[in-house]
Amino acid sequence: MSVTHAQIVSVPVGDQDRARDFYVDVLGFDLVRDNPMPDGRWVQVAPRGAVTTLTLVTWFDSMPAGSLRGLVLESDDLDADVARLRERGVAFAEDSVQVVPWGRYVTFADPDGNGLVLQETRV
């Protein structure tokens, strides 16, 4: 098998406009695509320079809005990113950054309740 990377991760949302605004305006992702489809819209976002993108989906019955858990986002300056996100209204599950043997992390949710992890991996 010659898989090189994960291309797209589907994130189940209830309102694509609200989700797009959160991922672009709050998290700072790039808007890759926002195109009409026969049965809805294709909204695709990505961290700047990332290979893997996210599509904000409303059409999977088996993936209700807010059902995603453990989407891990890597940061090269966790403290600055946490401060920036707090300024933008993000509420974190923990009061402080969690320290573990492999690095540090915080958890939070998008507007639909999808569980996200922002981590800084120790090298």
PDB file of N, CA and C in Angstrom:
ATOM      1  N   MET A   1       0.843  -1.174   0.000  1.00  0.00           N
ATOM      2  CA  MET A   1       0.000   0.000   0.000  1.00  0.00           C
ATOM      3  C   MET A   1       0.894   1.245   0.000  1.00  0.00           C
ATOM      4  N   SER A   2       0.483   2.259  -0.738  1.00  0.00           N
ATOM      5  CA  SER A   2       1.322   3.444  -0.843  1.00  0.00           C
ATOM      6  C   SER A   2       0.571   4.712  -0.436  1.00  0.00           C
ATOM      7  N   VAL A   3      -0.146   4.638   0.671  1.00  0.00           N
ATOM      8  CA  VAL A   3      -0.850   5.812   1.191  1.00  0.00           C
ATOM      9  C   VAL A   3       0.184   6.821   1.682  1.00  0.00           C
ATOM     10  N   THR A   4       0.018   8.085   1.306  1.00  0.00           N
ATOM     11  CA  THR A   4       0.992   9.103   1.696  1.00  0.00           C
ATOM     12  C   THR A   4       0.501  10.006   2.822  1.00  0.00           C
ATOM     13  N   HIS A   5      -0.817  10.170   2.958  1.00  0.00           N
ATOM     14  CA  HIS A   5      -1.365  11.006   4.021  1.00  0.00           C
ATOM     15  C   HIS A   5      -2.884  10.895   4.040  1.00  0.00           C
ATOM     16  N   ALA A   6      -3.481  11.379   5.114  1.00  0.00           N
ATOM     17  CA  ALA A   6      -4.937  11.505   5.157  1.00  0.00           C
ATOM     18  C   ALA A   6      -5.296  12.769   4.394  1.00  0.00           C
ATOM     19  N   GLN A   7      -6.202  12.691   3.450  1.00  0.00           N
ATOM     20  CA  GLN A   7      -6.556  13.830   2.602  1.00  0.00           C
ATOM     21  C   GLN A   7      -7.585  14.749   3.265  1.00  0.00           C
ATOM     22  N   ILE A   8      -8.719  14.156   3.700  1.00  0.00           N
ATOM     23  CA  ILE A   8      -9.820  14.951   4.234  1.00  0.00           C
ATOM     24  C   ILE A   8     -10.406  14.239   5.450  1.00  0.00           C
ATOM     25  N   VAL A   9     -10.701  15.004   6.486  1.00  0.00           N
ATOM     26  CA  VAL A   9     -11.410  14.499   7.656  1.00  0.00           C
ATOM     27  C   VAL A   9     -12.765  15.203   7.672  1.00  0.00           C
ATOM     28  N   SER A  10     -13.840  14.434   7.786  1.00  0.00           N
ATOM     29  CA  SER A  10     -15.181  15.008   7.841  1.00  0.00           C
ATOM     30  C   SER A  10     -15.522  15.387   9.273  1.00  0.00           C
ATOM     31  N   VAL A  11     -15.944  16.630   9.463  1.00  0.00           N
ATOM     32  CA  VAL A  11     -16.345  17.141  10.771  1.00  0.00           C
ATOM     33  C   VAL A  11     -17.852  17.407  10.716  1.00  0.00           C
ATOM     34  N   PRO A  12     -18.641  16.681  11.510  1.00  0.00           N
ATOM     35  CA  PRO A  12     -20.100  16.837  11.446  1.00  0.00           C
ATOM     36  C   PRO A  12     -20.572  18.100  12.170  1.00  0.00           C
ATOM     37  N   VAL A  13     -21.260  18.963  11.438  1.00  0.00           N
ATOM     38  CA  VAL A  13     -21.726  20.233  11.991  1.00  0.00           C
ATOM     39  C   VAL A  13     -23.216  20.414  11.704  1.00  0.00           C
ATOM     40  N   GLY A  14     -23.842  21.288  12.450  1.00  0.00           N
ATOM     41  CA  GLY A  14     -25.252  21.574  12.240  1.00  0.00           C
ATOM     42  C   GLY A  14     -25.483  22.775  11.344  1.00  0.00           C
ATOM     43  N   ASP A  15     -24.552  23.722  11.360  1.00  0.00           N
ATOM     44  CA  ASP A  15     -24.679  24.951  10.587  1.00  0.00           C
ATOM     45  C   ASP A  15     -23.311  25.225   9.942  1.00  0.00           C
ATOM     46  N   GLN A  16     -23.246  25.066   8.640  1.00  0.00           N
ATOM     47  CA  GLN A  16     -21.961  25.207   7.950  1.00  0.00           C
ATOM     48  C   GLN A  16     -21.415  26.628   8.013  1.00  0.00           C
ATOM     49  N   ASP A  17     -22.263  27.630   7.994  1.00  0.00           N
ATOM     50  CA  ASP A  17     -21.776  29.018   8.089  1.00  0.00           C
ATOM     51  C   ASP A  17     -21.131  29.266   9.444  1.00  0.00           C
ATOM     52  N   ARG A  18     -21.812  28.863  10.508  1.00  0.00           N
ATOM     53  CA  ARG A  18     -21.270  29.059  11.858  1.00  0.00           C
ATOM     54  C   ARG A  18     -19.971  28.285  12.030  1.00  0.00           C
ATOM     55  N   ALA A  19     -19.932  27.043  11.540  1.00  0.00           N
ATOM     56  CA  ALA A  19     -18.720  26.223  11.646  1.00  0.00           C
ATOM     57  C   ALA A  19     -17.587  26.823  10.823  1.00  0.00           C
ATOM     58  N   ARG A  20     -17.875  27.253   9.608  1.00  0.00           N
ATOM     59  CA  ARG A  20     -16.851  27.891   8.763  1.00  0.00           C
ATOM     60  C   ARG A  20     -16.276  29.115   9.461  1.00  0.00           C
ATOM     61  N   ASP A  21     -17.139  29.937  10.020  1.00  0.00           N
ATOM     62  CA  ASP A  21     -16.672  31.137  10.715  1.00  0.00           C
ATOM     63  C   ASP A  21     -15.781  30.778  11.905  1.00  0.00           C
ATOM     64  N   PHE A  22     -16.129  29.734  12.643  1.00  0.00           N
ATOM     65  CA  PHE A  22     -15.307  29.319  13.777  1.00  0.00           C
ATOM     66  C   PHE A  22     -13.937  28.830  13.310  1.00  0.00           C
ATOM     67  N   TYR A  23     -13.914  27.923  12.344  1.00  0.00           N
ATOM     68  CA  TYR A  23     -12.639  27.353  11.902  1.00  0.00           C
ATOM     69  C   TYR A  23     -11.765  28.395  11.199  1.00  0.00           C
ATOM     70  N   VAL A  24     -12.364  29.328  10.482  1.00  0.00           N
ATOM     71  CA  VAL A  24     -11.593  30.346   9.763  1.00  0.00           C
ATOM     72  C   VAL A  24     -11.280  31.547  10.667  1.00  0.00           C
ATOM     73  N   ASP A  25     -12.295  32.131  11.275  1.00  0.00           N
ATOM     74  CA  ASP A  25     -12.098  33.375  12.030  1.00  0.00           C
ATOM     75  C   ASP A  25     -11.525  33.159  13.426  1.00  0.00           C
ATOM     76  N   VAL A  26     -11.886  32.067  14.080  1.00  0.00           N
ATOM     77  CA  VAL A  26     -11.408  31.821  15.445  1.00  0.00           C
ATOM     78  C   VAL A  26     -10.118  31.005  15.435  1.00  0.00           C
ATOM     79  N   LEU A  27     -10.119  29.874  14.723  1.00  0.00           N
ATOM     80  CA  LEU A  27      -8.927  29.026  14.703  1.00  0.00           C
ATOM     81  C   LEU A  27      -7.880  29.496  13.703  1.00  0.00           C
ATOM     82  N   GLY A  28      -8.259  30.323  12.753  1.00  0.00           N
ATOM     83  CA  GLY A  28      -7.292  30.853  11.786  1.00  0.00           C
ATOM     84  C   GLY A  28      -7.005  29.945  10.612  1.00  0.00           C
ATOM     85  N   PHE A  29      -7.897  28.984  10.349  1.00  0.00           N
ATOM     86  CA  PHE A  29      -7.721  28.096   9.197  1.00  0.00           C
ATOM     87  C   PHE A  29      -7.982  28.869   7.908  1.00  0.00           C
ATOM     88  N   ASP A  30      -7.453  28.351   6.817  1.00  0.00           N
ATOM     89  CA  ASP A  30      -7.762  28.882   5.493  1.00  0.00           C
ATOM     90  C   ASP A  30      -9.060  28.256   4.992  1.00  0.00           C
ATOM     91  N   LEU A  31      -9.852  29.036   4.286  1.00  0.00           N
ATOM     92  CA  LEU A  31     -11.026  28.501   3.598  1.00  0.00           C
ATOM     93  C   LEU A  31     -10.532  27.968   2.255  1.00  0.00           C
ATOM     94  N   VAL A  32     -10.561  26.667   2.092  1.00  0.00           N
ATOM     95  CA  VAL A  32     -10.069  26.023   0.871  1.00  0.00           C
ATOM     96  C   VAL A  32     -11.139  26.067  -0.213  1.00  0.00           C
ATOM     97  N   ARG A  33     -12.384  25.764   0.177  1.00  0.00           N
ATOM     98  CA  ARG A  33     -13.486  25.686  -0.769  1.00  0.00           C
ATOM     99  C   ARG A  33     -14.809  25.933  -0.058  1.00  0.00           C
ATOM    100  N   ASP A  34     -15.711  26.605  -0.725  1.00  0.00           N
ATOM    101  CA  ASP A  34     -17.090  26.750  -0.259  1.00  0.00           C
ATOM    102  C   ASP A  34     -17.936  26.753  -1.520  1.00  0.00           C
ATOM    103  N   ASN A  35     -18.337  25.556  -1.941  1.00  0.00           N
ATOM    104  CA  ASN A  35     -19.021  25.392  -3.217  1.00  0.00           C
ATOM    105  C   ASN A  35     -20.368  24.707  -3.044  1.00  0.00           C
ATOM    106  N   PRO A  36     -21.351  25.108  -3.855  1.00  0.00           N
ATOM    107  CA  PRO A  36     -22.633  24.405  -3.831  1.00  0.00           C
ATOM    108  C   PRO A  36     -22.478  22.993  -4.387  1.00  0.00           C
ATOM    109  N   MET A  37     -23.294  22.088  -3.856  1.00  0.00           N
ATOM    110  CA  MET A  37     -23.385  20.717  -4.351  1.00  0.00           C
ATOM    111  C   MET A  37     -24.860  20.474  -4.661  1.00  0.00           C
ATOM    112  N   PRO A  38     -25.177  19.414  -5.372  1.00  0.00           N
ATOM    113  CA  PRO A  38     -26.597  19.153  -5.678  1.00  0.00           C
ATOM    114  C   PRO A  38     -27.485  19.095  -4.430  1.00  0.00           C
ATOM    115  N   ASP A  39     -26.972  18.556  -3.327  1.00  0.00           N
ATOM    116  CA  ASP A  39     -27.784  18.414  -2.123  1.00  0.00           C
ATOM    117  C   ASP A  39     -27.252  19.234  -0.952  1.00  0.00           C
ATOM    118  N   GLY A  40     -26.566  20.329  -1.201  1.00  0.00           N
ATOM    119  CA  GLY A  40     -26.032  21.126  -0.109  1.00  0.00           C
ATOM    120  C   GLY A  40     -24.801  21.906  -0.522  1.00  0.00           C
ATOM    121  N   ARG A  41     -23.809  21.943   0.389  1.00  0.00           N
ATOM    122  CA  ARG A  41     -22.573  22.688   0.142  1.00  0.00           C
ATOM    123  C   ARG A  41     -21.368  21.865   0.541  1.00  0.00           C
ATOM    124  N   TRP A  42     -20.269  22.127  -0.126  1.00  0.00           N
ATOM    125  CA  TRP A  42     -18.973  21.555   0.234  1.00  0.00           C
ATOM    126  C   TRP A  42     -18.156  22.688   0.834  1.00  0.00           C
ATOM    127  N   VAL A  43     -17.944  22.622   2.158  1.00  0.00           N
ATOM    128  CA  VAL A  43     -17.155  23.624   2.854  1.00  0.00           C
ATOM    129  C   VAL A  43     -15.913  22.931   3.383  1.00  0.00           C
ATOM    130  N   GLN A  44     -14.761  23.376   2.912  1.00  0.00           N
ATOM    131  CA  GLN A  44     -13.485  22.723   3.237  1.00  0.00           C
ATOM    132  C   GLN A  44     -12.520  23.762   3.794  1.00  0.00           C
ATOM    133  N   VAL A  45     -11.905  23.441   4.935  1.00  0.00           N
ATOM    134  CA  VAL A  45     -10.966  24.344   5.606  1.00  0.00           C
ATOM    135  C   VAL A  45      -9.693  23.582   5.939  1.00  0.00           C
ATOM    136  N   ALA A  46      -8.625  24.317   6.225  1.00  0.00           N
ATOM    137  CA  ALA A  46      -7.357  23.671   6.572  1.00  0.00           C
ATOM    138  C   ALA A  46      -6.454  24.638   7.311  1.00  0.00           C
ATOM    139  N   PRO A  47      -5.645  24.128   8.234  1.00  0.00           N
ATOM    140  CA  PRO A  47      -4.605  24.971   8.801  1.00  0.00           C
ATOM    141  C   PRO A  47      -3.666  25.400   7.663  1.00  0.00           C
ATOM    142  N   ARG A  48      -3.112  26.586   7.766  1.00  0.00           N
ATOM    143  CA  ARG A  48      -2.206  27.077   6.712  1.00  0.00           C
ATOM    144  C   ARG A  48      -1.081  26.074   6.463  1.00  0.00           C
ATOM    145  N   GLY A  49      -0.888  25.717   5.205  1.00  0.00           N
ATOM    146  CA  GLY A  49       0.195  24.834   4.811  1.00  0.00           C
ATOM    147  C   GLY A  49      -0.045  23.351   5.076  1.00  0.00           C
ATOM    148  N   ALA A  50      -1.211  22.994   5.583  1.00  0.00           N
ATOM    149  CA  ALA A  50      -1.481  21.589   5.922  1.00  0.00           C
ATOM    150  C   ALA A  50      -1.784  20.750   4.684  1.00  0.00           C
ATOM    151  N   VAL A  51      -1.445  19.489   4.764  1.00  0.00           N
ATOM    152  CA  VAL A  51      -1.787  18.537   3.715  1.00  0.00           C
ATOM    153  C   VAL A  51      -3.216  18.046   3.920  1.00  0.00           C
ATOM    154  N   THR A  52      -3.562  17.753   5.155  1.00  0.00           N
ATOM    155  CA  THR A  52      -4.897  17.250   5.472  1.00  0.00           C
ATOM    156  C   THR A  52      -5.848  18.420   5.685  1.00  0.00           C
ATOM    157  N   THR A  53      -7.044  18.309   5.113  1.00  0.00           N
ATOM    158  CA  THR A  53      -8.058  19.340   5.253  1.00  0.00           C
ATOM    159  C   THR A  53      -9.266  18.777   6.004  1.00  0.00           C
ATOM    160  N   LEU A  54     -10.157  19.675   6.403  1.00  0.00           N
ATOM    161  CA  LEU A  54     -11.407  19.288   7.049  1.00  0.00           C
ATOM    162  C   LEU A  54     -12.555  19.706   6.162  1.00  0.00           C
ATOM    163  N   THR A  55     -13.554  18.849   6.034  1.00  0.00           N
ATOM    164  CA  THR A  55     -14.778  19.261   5.367  1.00  0.00           C
ATOM    165  C   THR A  55     -15.875  19.293   6.420  1.00  0.00           C
ATOM    166  N   LEU A  56     -16.620  20.372   6.421  1.00  0.00           N
ATOM    167  CA  LEU A  56     -17.662  20.607   7.430  1.00  0.00           C
ATOM    168  C   LEU A  56     -18.968  20.076   6.864  1.00  0.00           C
ATOM    169  N   VAL A  57     -19.375  18.897   7.343  1.00  0.00           N
ATOM    170  CA  VAL A  57     -20.456  18.143   6.710  1.00  0.00           C
ATOM    171  C   VAL A  57     -21.746  18.177   7.522  1.00  0.00           C
ATOM    172  N   THR A  58     -22.856  18.125   6.781  1.00  0.00           N
ATOM    173  CA  THR A  58     -24.184  18.072   7.403  1.00  0.00           C
ATOM    174  C   THR A  58     -24.984  16.868   6.907  1.00  0.00           C
ATOM    175  N   TRP A  59     -24.423  16.089   6.013  1.00  0.00           N
ATOM    176  CA  TRP A  59     -25.219  15.104   5.294  1.00  0.00           C
ATOM    177  C   TRP A  59     -25.031  13.649   5.728  1.00  0.00           C
ATOM    178  N   PHE A  60     -24.248  13.352   6.738  1.00  0.00           N
ATOM    179  CA  PHE A  60     -24.078  11.966   7.170  1.00  0.00           C
ATOM    180  C   PHE A  60     -24.994  11.675   8.354  1.00  0.00           C
ATOM    181  N   ASP A  61     -26.033  10.872   8.139  1.00  0.00           N
ATOM    182  CA  ASP A  61     -26.952  10.526   9.228  1.00  0.00           C
ATOM    183  C   ASP A  61     -26.236   9.830  10.376  1.00  0.00           C
ATOM    184  N   SER A  62     -25.201   9.065  10.057  1.00  0.00           N
ATOM    185  CA  SER A  62     -24.479   8.314  11.091  1.00  0.00           C
ATOM    186  C   SER A  62     -23.475   9.191  11.847  1.00  0.00           C
ATOM    187  N   MET A  63     -23.344  10.460  11.447  1.00  0.00           N
ATOM    188  CA  MET A  63     -22.430  11.399  12.108  1.00  0.00           C
ATOM    189  C   MET A  63     -23.201  12.660  12.476  1.00  0.00           C
ATOM    190  N   PRO A  64     -23.948  12.625  13.581  1.00  0.00           N
ATOM    191  CA  PRO A  64     -24.685  13.837  13.953  1.00  0.00           C
ATOM    192  C   PRO A  64     -23.730  14.964  14.353  1.00  0.00           C
ATOM    193  N   ALA A  65     -24.182  16.179  14.189  1.00  0.00           N
ATOM    194  CA  ALA A  65     -23.371  17.349  14.555  1.00  0.00           C
ATOM    195  C   ALA A  65     -22.861  17.193  15.978  1.00  0.00           C
ATOM    196  N   GLY A  66     -21.572  17.445  16.150  1.00  0.00           N
ATOM    197  CA  GLY A  66     -20.969  17.376  17.474  1.00  0.00           C
ATOM    198  C   GLY A  66     -20.499  16.010  17.906  1.00  0.00           C
ATOM    199  N   SER A  67     -20.556  15.018  17.037  1.00  0.00           N
ATOM    200  CA  SER A  67     -20.203  13.648  17.438  1.00  0.00           C
ATOM    201  C   SER A  67     -18.720  13.309  17.293  1.00  0.00           C
ATOM    202  N   LEU A  68     -17.941  14.186  16.688  1.00  0.00           N
ATOM    203  CA  LEU A  68     -16.504  13.922  16.509  1.00  0.00           C
ATOM    204  C   LEU A  68     -15.763  14.169  17.818  1.00  0.00           C
ATOM    205  N   ARG A  69     -14.865  13.281  18.169  1.00  0.00           N
ATOM    206  CA  ARG A  69     -14.037  13.422  19.371  1.00  0.00           C
ATOM    207  C   ARG A  69     -12.582  13.182  19.010  1.00  0.00           C
ATOM    208  N   GLY A  70     -11.699  13.946  19.650  1.00  0.00           N
ATOM    209  CA  GLY A  70     -10.279  13.674  19.550  1.00  0.00           C
ATOM    210  C   GLY A  70      -9.591  14.137  18.291  1.00  0.00           C
ATOM    211  N   LEU A  71     -10.112  15.160  17.631  1.00  0.00           N
ATOM    212  CA  LEU A  71      -9.392  15.725  16.488  1.00  0.00           C
ATOM    213  C   LEU A  71      -8.229  16.532  17.058  1.00  0.00           C
ATOM    214  N   VAL A  72      -7.011  16.107  16.770  1.00  0.00           N
ATOM    215  CA  VAL A  72      -5.819  16.708  17.371  1.00  0.00           C
ATOM    216  C   VAL A  72      -5.206  17.715  16.405  1.00  0.00           C
ATOM    217  N   LEU A  73      -5.023  18.934  16.903  1.00  0.00           N
ATOM    218  CA  LEU A  73      -4.389  20.011  16.154  1.00  0.00           C
ATOM    219  C   LEU A  73      -3.050  20.303  16.808  1.00  0.00           C
ATOM    220  N   GLU A  74      -1.998  20.359  16.030  1.00  0.00           N
ATOM    221  CA  GLU A  74      -0.646  20.579  16.558  1.00  0.00           C
ATOM    222  C   GLU A  74      -0.323  22.070  16.567  1.00  0.00           C
ATOM    223  N   SER A  75       0.316  22.521  17.634  1.00  0.00           N
ATOM    224  CA  SER A  75       0.733  23.912  17.785  1.00  0.00           C
ATOM    225  C   SER A  75       2.234  23.958  18.025  1.00  0.00           C
ATOM    226  N   ASP A  76       2.896  24.981  17.490  1.00  0.00           N
ATOM    227  CA  ASP A  76       4.312  25.149  17.807  1.00  0.00           C
ATOM    228  C   ASP A  76       4.515  26.211  18.888  1.00  0.00           C
ATOM    229  N   ASP A  77       3.410  26.804  19.379  1.00  0.00           N
ATOM    230  CA  ASP A  77       3.464  27.745  20.504  1.00  0.00           C
ATOM    231  C   ASP A  77       2.118  27.670  21.232  1.00  0.00           C
ATOM    232  N   LEU A  78       1.973  26.650  22.045  1.00  0.00           N
ATOM    233  CA  LEU A  78       0.701  26.373  22.705  1.00  0.00           C
ATOM    234  C   LEU A  78       0.241  27.534  23.576  1.00  0.00           C
ATOM    235  N   ASP A  79       1.132  28.113  24.361  1.00  0.00           N
ATOM    236  CA  ASP A  79       0.736  29.200  25.257  1.00  0.00           C
ATOM    237  C   ASP A  79       0.161  30.386  24.485  1.00  0.00           C
ATOM    238  N   ALA A  80       0.811  30.783  23.415  1.00  0.00           N
ATOM    239  CA  ALA A  80       0.325  31.907  22.604  1.00  0.00           C
ATOM    240  C   ALA A  80      -1.002  31.574  21.943  1.00  0.00           C
ATOM    241  N   ASP A  81      -1.130  30.332  21.443  1.00  0.00           N
ATOM    242  CA  ASP A  81      -2.384  29.932  20.792  1.00  0.00           C
ATOM    243  C   ASP A  81      -3.537  29.875  21.786  1.00  0.00           C
ATOM    244  N   VAL A  82      -3.285  29.377  22.987  1.00  0.00           N
ATOM    245  CA  VAL A  82      -4.325  29.324  24.013  1.00  0.00           C
ATOM    246  C   VAL A  82      -4.765  30.747  24.361  1.00  0.00           C
ATOM    247  N   ALA A  83      -3.823  31.649  24.549  1.00  0.00           N
ATOM    248  CA  ALA A  83      -4.158  33.038  24.867  1.00  0.00           C
ATOM    249  C   ALA A  83      -4.988  33.669  23.744  1.00  0.00           C
ATOM    250  N   ARG A  84      -4.573  33.444  22.508  1.00  0.00           N
ATOM    251  CA  ARG A  84      -5.282  33.998  21.346  1.00  0.00           C
ATOM    252  C   ARG A  84      -6.705  33.445  21.264  1.00  0.00           C
ATOM    253  N   LEU A  85      -6.855  32.133  21.482  1.00  0.00           N
ATOM    254  CA  LEU A  85      -8.185  31.522  21.417  1.00  0.00           C
ATOM    255  C   LEU A  85      -9.077  32.000  22.560  1.00  0.00           C
ATOM    256  N   ARG A  86      -8.504  32.172  23.745  1.00  0.00           N
ATOM    257  CA  ARG A  86      -9.293  32.709  24.872  1.00  0.00           C
ATOM    258  C   ARG A  86      -9.813  34.113  24.531  1.00  0.00           C
ATOM    259  N   GLU A  87      -8.960  34.926  23.923  1.00  0.00           N
ATOM    260  CA  GLU A  87      -9.374  36.275  23.506  1.00  0.00           C
ATOM    261  C   GLU A  87     -10.522  36.222  22.510  1.00  0.00           C
ATOM    262  N   ARG A  88     -10.583  35.148  21.734  1.00  0.00           N
ATOM    263  CA  ARG A  88     -11.625  34.986  20.722  1.00  0.00           C
ATOM    264  C   ARG A  88     -12.838  34.230  21.266  1.00  0.00           C
ATOM    265  N   GLY A  89     -12.864  33.999  22.578  1.00  0.00           N
ATOM    266  CA  GLY A  89     -14.046  33.422  23.210  1.00  0.00           C
ATOM    267  C   GLY A  89     -14.076  31.919  23.362  1.00  0.00           C
ATOM    268  N   VAL A  90     -12.985  31.228  23.058  1.00  0.00           N
ATOM    269  CA  VAL A  90     -12.965  29.765  23.204  1.00  0.00           C
ATOM    270  C   VAL A  90     -12.853  29.417  24.683  1.00  0.00           C
ATOM    271  N   ALA A  91     -13.712  28.500  25.126  1.00  0.00           N
ATOM    272  CA  ALA A  91     -13.669  28.002  26.504  1.00  0.00           C
ATOM    273  C   ALA A  91     -12.983  26.638  26.487  1.00  0.00           C
ATOM    274  N   PHE A  92     -12.006  26.469  27.349  1.00  0.00           N
ATOM    275  CA  PHE A  92     -11.265  25.214  27.418  1.00  0.00           C
ATOM    276  C   PHE A  92     -11.829  24.325  28.518  1.00  0.00           C
ATOM    277  N   ALA A  93     -11.750  23.022  28.315  1.00  0.00           N
ATOM    278  CA  ALA A  93     -12.281  22.064  29.283  1.00  0.00           C
ATOM    279  C   ALA A  93     -11.505  22.106  30.591  1.00  0.00           C
ATOM    280  N   GLU A  94     -10.210  22.362  30.526  1.00  0.00           N
ATOM    281  CA  GLU A  94      -9.368  22.437  31.720  1.00  0.00           C
ATOM    282  C   GLU A  94      -9.042  23.898  31.991  1.00  0.00           C
ATOM    283  N   ASP A  95      -8.763  24.215  33.253  1.00  0.00           N
ATOM    284  CA  ASP A  95      -8.380  25.582  33.603  1.00  0.00           C
ATOM    285  C   ASP A  95      -6.972  25.925  33.142  1.00  0.00           C
ATOM    286  N   SER A  96      -6.138  24.903  32.977  1.00  0.00           N
ATOM    287  CA  SER A  96      -4.754  25.155  32.586  1.00  0.00           C
ATOM    288  C   SER A  96      -4.305  24.096  31.579  1.00  0.00           C
ATOM    289  N   VAL A  97      -3.167  24.354  30.989  1.00  0.00           N
ATOM    290  CA  VAL A  97      -2.561  23.418  30.045  1.00  0.00           C
ATOM    291  C   VAL A  97      -2.176  22.135  30.788  1.00  0.00           C
ATOM    292  N   GLN A  98      -2.511  21.009  30.201  1.00  0.00           N
ATOM    293  CA  GLN A  98      -2.179  19.710  30.782  1.00  0.00           C
ATOM    294  C   GLN A  98      -0.788  19.288  30.307  1.00  0.00           C
ATOM    295  N   VAL A  99       0.025  18.784  31.232  1.00  0.00           N
ATOM    296  CA  VAL A  99       1.388  18.353  30.907  1.00  0.00           C
ATOM    297  C   VAL A  99       1.444  16.841  31.005  1.00  0.00           C
ATOM    298  N   VAL A 100       1.947  16.214  29.954  1.00  0.00           N
ATOM    299  CA  VAL A 100       2.081  14.759  29.877  1.00  0.00           C
ATOM    300  C   VAL A 100       3.475  14.429  29.353  1.00  0.00           C
ATOM    301  N   PRO A 101       3.918  13.170  29.440  1.00  0.00           N
ATOM    302  CA  PRO A 101       5.283  12.839  29.006  1.00  0.00           C
ATOM    303  C   PRO A 101       5.617  13.221  27.560  1.00  0.00           C
ATOM    304  N   TRP A 102       4.642  13.202  26.677  1.00  0.00           N
ATOM    305  CA  TRP A 102       4.908  13.496  25.267  1.00  0.00           C
ATOM    306  C   TRP A 102       4.742  14.964  24.899  1.00  0.00           C
ATOM    307  N   GLY A 103       4.273  15.802  25.852  1.00  0.00           N
ATOM    308  CA  GLY A 103       4.102  17.213  25.532  1.00  0.00           C
ATOM    309  C   GLY A 103       3.068  17.883  26.414  1.00  0.00           C
ATOM    310  N   ARG A 104       2.327  18.835  25.832  1.00  0.00           N
ATOM    311  CA  ARG A 104       1.309  19.579  26.563  1.00  0.00           C
ATOM    312  C   ARG A 104       0.084  19.736  25.674  1.00  0.00           C
ATOM    313  N   TYR A 105      -1.099  19.882  26.310  1.00  0.00           N
ATOM    314  CA  TYR A 105      -2.316  20.002  25.508  1.00  0.00           C
ATOM    315  C   TYR A 105      -3.436  20.682  26.295  1.00  0.00           C
ATOM    316  N   VAL A 106      -4.444  21.130  25.560  1.00  0.00           N
ATOM    317  CA  VAL A 106      -5.711  21.598  26.106  1.00  0.00           C
ATOM    318  C   VAL A 106      -6.815  21.016  25.228  1.00  0.00           C
ATOM    319  N   THR A 107      -8.008  20.907  25.790  1.00  0.00           N
ATOM    320  CA  THR A 107      -9.138  20.426  25.000  1.00  0.00           C
ATOM    321  C   THR A 107     -10.237  21.492  24.994  1.00  0.00           C
ATOM    322  N   PHE A 108     -10.983  21.513  23.916  1.00  0.00           N
ATOM    323  CA  PHE A 108     -12.092  22.453  23.764  1.00  0.00           C
ATOM    324  C   PHE A 108     -13.032  21.893  22.717  1.00  0.00           C
ATOM    325  N   ALA A 109     -14.125  22.587  22.480  1.00  0.00           N
ATOM    326  CA  ALA A 109     -15.109  22.126  21.504  1.00  0.00           C
ATOM    327  C   ALA A 109     -15.394  23.237  20.505  1.00  0.00           C
ATOM    328  N   ASP A 110     -15.782  22.824  19.309  1.00  0.00           N
ATOM    329  CA  ASP A 110     -16.247  23.797  18.327  1.00  0.00           C
ATOM    330  C   ASP A 110     -17.701  24.154  18.671  1.00  0.00           C
ATOM    331  N   PRO A 111     -18.334  25.058  17.940  1.00  0.00           N
ATOM    332  CA  PRO A 111     -19.698  25.466  18.291  1.00  0.00           C
ATOM    333  C   PRO A 111     -20.724  24.326  18.296  1.00  0.00           C
ATOM    334  N   ASP A 112     -20.437  23.218  17.598  1.00  0.00           N
ATOM    335  CA  ASP A 112     -21.358  22.084  17.581  1.00  0.00           C
ATOM    336  C   ASP A 112     -21.064  21.064  18.668  1.00  0.00           C
ATOM    337  N   GLY A 113     -19.959  21.241  19.388  1.00  0.00           N
ATOM    338  CA  GLY A 113     -19.599  20.288  20.433  1.00  0.00           C
ATOM    339  C   GLY A 113     -18.599  19.232  20.000  1.00  0.00           C
ATOM    340  N   ASN A 114     -18.054  19.331  18.791  1.00  0.00           N
ATOM    341  CA  ASN A 114     -17.004  18.401  18.367  1.00  0.00           C
ATOM    342  C   ASN A 114     -15.780  18.619  19.255  1.00  0.00           C
ATOM    343  N   GLY A 115     -15.216  17.529  19.767  1.00  0.00           N
ATOM    344  CA  GLY A 115     -14.093  17.619  20.690  1.00  0.00           C
ATOM    345  C   GLY A 115     -12.762  17.782  19.992  1.00  0.00           C
ATOM    346  N   LEU A 116     -12.064  18.868  20.305  1.00  0.00           N
ATOM    347  CA  LEU A 116     -10.778  19.174  19.697  1.00  0.00           C
ATOM    348  C   LEU A 116      -9.687  19.193  20.760  1.00  0.00           C
ATOM    349  N   VAL A 117      -8.490  18.816  20.349  1.00  0.00           N
ATOM    350  CA  VAL A 117      -7.310  18.848  21.220  1.00  0.00           C
ATOM    351  C   VAL A 117      -6.295  19.737  20.535  1.00  0.00           C
ATOM    352  N   LEU A 118      -5.770  20.698  21.268  1.00  0.00           N
ATOM    353  CA  LEU A 118      -4.674  21.517  20.759  1.00  0.00           C
ATOM    354  C   LEU A 118      -3.449  21.110  21.560  1.00  0.00           C
ATOM    355  N   GLN A 119      -2.448  20.598  20.861  1.00  0.00           N
ATOM    356  CA  GLN A 119      -1.278  20.066  21.572  1.00  0.00           C
ATOM    357  C   GLN A 119       0.021  20.637  21.018  1.00  0.00           C
ATOM    358  N   GLU A 120       1.026  20.583  21.870  1.00  0.00           N
ATOM    359  CA  GLU A 120       2.387  20.930  21.493  1.00  0.00           C
ATOM    360  C   GLU A 120       3.223  19.702  21.878  1.00  0.00           C
ATOM    361  N   THR A 121       3.690  18.996  20.881  1.00  0.00           N
ATOM    362  CA  THR A 121       4.430  17.756  21.115  1.00  0.00           C
ATOM    363  C   THR A 121       5.858  18.059  21.471  1.00  0.00           C
ATOM    364  N   ARG A 122       6.331  17.392  22.485  1.00  0.00           N
ATOM    365  CA  ARG A 122       7.733  17.515  22.897  1.00  0.00           C
ATOM    366  C   ARG A 122       8.579  16.686  21.940  1.00  0.00           C
ATOM    367  N   VAL A 123       9.655  17.260  21.458  1.00  0.00           N
ATOM    368  CA  VAL A 123      10.558  16.502  20.564  1.00  0.00           C
ATOM    369  C   VAL A 123      11.748  15.984  21.296  1.00  0.00           C
TER     370      VAL A 123
END
